[in-house]
Amino acid sequence: MSDLVIDNGSSLARNTWVVDPNQEKRVDIQLAAYEEVCNSYHAIDDFRTKLLGILPIASLGLASFFAAAFTLHYFCLRYAALSAVII
């Protein structure tokens, strides 16, 4: 056990710090917990990156669907209008 004495010249300000023998064990536990938190964060970050990679493809497909639906609707309206004029 090592003692560290801090003295600033005053007899009232004399503190003794004792190093805890279980401190290394606590540090190992804290490092393991920190590593798990980091792994969890990286997993979430990886999932978000994949999701953002899929987003343009999905939005392109959705935009294509709406463009096709609009074109079909417009074609049907024009066809009905032309049919009414011809008949």
C-alpha atoms as a PDB file:
ATOM      1  CA  MET A   1       0.000   0.000   0.000  1.00  0.00           C
ATOM      2  CA  SER A   2       1.443   3.340  -0.988  1.00  0.00           C
ATOM      3  CA  ASP A   3       0.739   6.607   0.737  1.00  0.00           C
ATOM      4  CA  LEU A   4       0.822   9.941  -0.992  1.00  0.00           C
ATOM      5  CA  VAL A   5       1.179  12.923   1.288  1.00  0.00           C
ATOM      6  CA  ILE A   6       0.139  16.333  -0.014  1.00  0.00           C
ATOM      7  CA  ASP A   7       1.453  19.261   1.972  1.00  0.00           C
ATOM      8  CA  ASN A   8       1.263  22.918   1.022  1.00  0.00           C
ATOM      9  CA  GLY A   9       3.173  24.102   4.051  1.00  0.00           C
ATOM     10  CA  SER A  10       0.226  24.323   6.411  1.00  0.00           C
ATOM     11  CA  SER A  11      -0.209  21.774   9.164  1.00  0.00           C
ATOM     12  CA  LEU A  12      -4.017  21.884   8.674  1.00  0.00           C
ATOM     13  CA  ALA A  13      -3.873  21.052   4.979  1.00  0.00           C
ATOM     14  CA  ARG A  14      -2.238  17.652   5.347  1.00  0.00           C
ATOM     15  CA  ASN A  15      -4.080  14.904   3.455  1.00  0.00           C
ATOM     16  CA  THR A  16      -3.131  11.293   2.984  1.00  0.00           C
ATOM     17  CA  TRP A  17      -4.358   9.438  -0.086  1.00  0.00           C
ATOM     18  CA  VAL A  18      -4.447   5.667   0.093  1.00  0.00           C
ATOM     19  CA  VAL A  19      -4.498   3.755  -3.165  1.00  0.00           C
ATOM     20  CA  ASP A  20      -7.388   1.278  -3.272  1.00  0.00           C
ATOM     21  CA  PRO A  21      -6.244  -2.297  -4.003  1.00  0.00           C
ATOM     22  CA  ASN A  22      -9.499  -2.974  -5.905  1.00  0.00           C
ATOM     23  CA  GLN A  23      -8.979   0.013  -8.183  1.00  0.00           C
ATOM     24  CA  GLU A  24      -7.481  -2.076 -10.997  1.00  0.00           C
ATOM     25  CA  LYS A  25     -10.474  -4.406 -10.900  1.00  0.00           C
ATOM     26  CA  ARG A  26     -12.840  -1.424 -11.074  1.00  0.00           C
ATOM     27  CA  VAL A  27     -10.932   0.024 -14.000  1.00  0.00           C
ATOM     28  CA  ASP A  28     -11.171  -3.293 -15.859  1.00  0.00           C
ATOM     29  CA  ILE A  29     -14.925  -3.426 -15.228  1.00  0.00           C
ATOM     30  CA  GLN A  30     -15.338   0.179 -16.372  1.00  0.00           C
ATOM     31  CA  LEU A  31     -13.310  -0.483 -19.522  1.00  0.00           C
ATOM     32  CA  ALA A  32     -15.442  -3.542 -20.314  1.00  0.00           C
ATOM     33  CA  ALA A  33     -18.633  -1.519 -19.826  1.00  0.00           C
ATOM     34  CA  TYR A  34     -17.251   1.294 -21.987  1.00  0.00           C
ATOM     35  CA  GLU A  35     -16.343  -1.216 -24.694  1.00  0.00           C
ATOM     36  CA  GLU A  36     -19.908  -2.577 -24.679  1.00  0.00           C
ATOM     37  CA  VAL A  37     -21.329   0.939 -24.967  1.00  0.00           C
ATOM     38  CA  CYS A  38     -18.994   1.655 -27.889  1.00  0.00           C
ATOM     39  CA  ASN A  39     -19.999  -1.596 -29.616  1.00  0.00           C
ATOM     40  CA  SER A  40     -23.664  -0.714 -29.170  1.00  0.00           C
ATOM     41  CA  TYR A  41     -23.100   2.778 -30.559  1.00  0.00           C
ATOM     42  CA  HIS A  42     -21.247   1.393 -33.582  1.00  0.00           C
ATOM     43  CA  ALA A  43     -24.038  -1.114 -34.243  1.00  0.00           C
ATOM     44  CA  ILE A  44     -26.642   1.675 -34.172  1.00  0.00           C
ATOM     45  CA  ASP A  45     -24.462   3.856 -36.388  1.00  0.00           C
ATOM     46  CA  ASP A  46     -24.011   0.988 -38.868  1.00  0.00           C
ATOM     47  CA  PHE A  47     -27.786   0.403 -38.981  1.00  0.00           C
ATOM     48  CA  ARG A  48     -28.467   4.106 -39.601  1.00  0.00           C
ATOM     49  CA  THR A  49     -25.869   4.186 -42.382  1.00  0.00           C
ATOM     50  CA  LYS A  50     -27.461   1.189 -44.108  1.00  0.00           C
ATOM     51  CA  LEU A  51     -30.908   2.719 -43.711  1.00  0.00           C
ATOM     52  CA  LEU A  52     -29.743   6.005 -45.232  1.00  0.00           C
ATOM     53  CA  GLY A  53     -28.177   4.034 -48.095  1.00  0.00           C
ATOM     54  CA  ILE A  54     -31.519   2.388 -48.886  1.00  0.00           C
ATOM     55  CA  LEU A  55     -33.467   5.660 -48.673  1.00  0.00           C
ATOM     56  CA  PRO A  56     -32.547   7.010 -52.154  1.00  0.00           C
ATOM     57  CA  ILE A  57     -33.451   3.704 -53.799  1.00  0.00           C
ATOM     58  CA  ALA A  58     -36.792   3.568 -51.982  1.00  0.00           C
ATOM     59  CA  SER A  59     -37.611   7.192 -52.758  1.00  0.00           C
ATOM     60  CA  LEU A  60     -36.694   6.665 -56.416  1.00  0.00           C
ATOM     61  CA  GLY A  61     -39.055   3.685 -56.577  1.00  0.00           C
ATOM     62  CA  LEU A  62     -41.821   5.658 -54.864  1.00  0.00           C
ATOM     63  CA  ALA A  63     -41.297   8.652 -57.149  1.00  0.00           C
ATOM     64  CA  SER A  64     -41.396   6.370 -60.182  1.00  0.00           C
ATOM     65  CA  PHE A  65     -44.665   4.845 -58.978  1.00  0.00           C
ATOM     66  CA  PHE A  66     -46.292   8.256 -58.529  1.00  0.00           C
ATOM     67  CA  ALA A  67     -44.966   9.454 -61.903  1.00  0.00           C
ATOM     68  CA  ALA A  68     -46.425   6.397 -63.608  1.00  0.00           C
ATOM     69  CA  ALA A  69     -49.753   6.833 -61.795  1.00  0.00           C
ATOM     70  CA  PHE A  70     -49.898  10.522 -62.756  1.00  0.00           C
ATOM     71  CA  THR A  71     -49.050   9.739 -66.385  1.00  0.00           C
ATOM     72  CA  LEU A  72     -51.711   7.013 -66.549  1.00  0.00           C
ATOM     73  CA  HIS A  73     -54.296   9.320 -64.973  1.00  0.00           C
ATOM     74  CA  TYR A  74     -53.414  12.131 -67.391  1.00  0.00           C
ATOM     75  CA  PHE A  75     -53.600   9.731 -70.330  1.00  0.00           C
ATOM     76  CA  CYS A  76     -57.053   8.523 -69.227  1.00  0.00           C
ATOM     77  CA  LEU A  77     -58.329  12.103 -68.920  1.00  0.00           C
ATOM     78  CA  ARG A  78     -56.975  13.081 -72.326  1.00  0.00           C
ATOM     79  CA  TYR A  79     -58.384   9.911 -73.898  1.00  0.00           C
ATOM     80  CA  ALA A  80     -61.806  10.627 -72.388  1.00  0.00           C
ATOM     81  CA  ALA A  81     -61.662  14.226 -73.597  1.00  0.00           C
ATOM     82  CA  LEU A  82     -60.661  13.185 -77.124  1.00  0.00           C
ATOM     83  CA  SER A  83     -63.344  10.468 -77.182  1.00  0.00           C
ATOM     84  CA  ALA A  84     -65.990  13.026 -76.264  1.00  0.00           C
ATOM     85  CA  VAL A  85     -64.861  15.352 -79.043  1.00  0.00           C
ATOM     86  CA  ILE A  86     -64.708  12.622 -81.697  1.00  0.00           C
ATOM     87  CA  ILE A  87     -68.085  11.116 -80.833  1.00  0.00           C
END
